Amino acid sequence: MVSPHQHVKGVIGEGSGRGTAFFGSLISGALIGWLLDLWLGTSPWLVVVGIALGAYSGFHAAWRDLNAEPPTVSSLSWGSGLPNQPDDDVGDGHDEGEASHG
């Protein structure tokens, strides 16, 4: 069971990650727009377009993350990436029908 303290830490971590991703999208759009403005001489229009596209991208990514289905416990598997299956090879190192020779 997850303690309330661990739950709060997880929620804060998710929120800060989404905020950082949004801020990165915004800054990336502004930077690309600024560079294109320098190259094409269209200042400040492509910076404005870049900021708008960066904001849209950040909001879209946040919306997609917030509406994603949370993983279920049964879908989480450790190892080969296959669904959870009993591991027949775990045990004493002998096959079931094989007699132990000591």
Foldseek 3Di string as FASTA:
>chain_A
DDDPVRVVVVVVVVVVVLVVQLVVLQVVLLVVQVVVCVVVVPPPVSSVVSNVRSNVVSVVVVVCVVPDDDDDPQCDDPDDNDGDDDDQCDDDRDHPPDDDDD
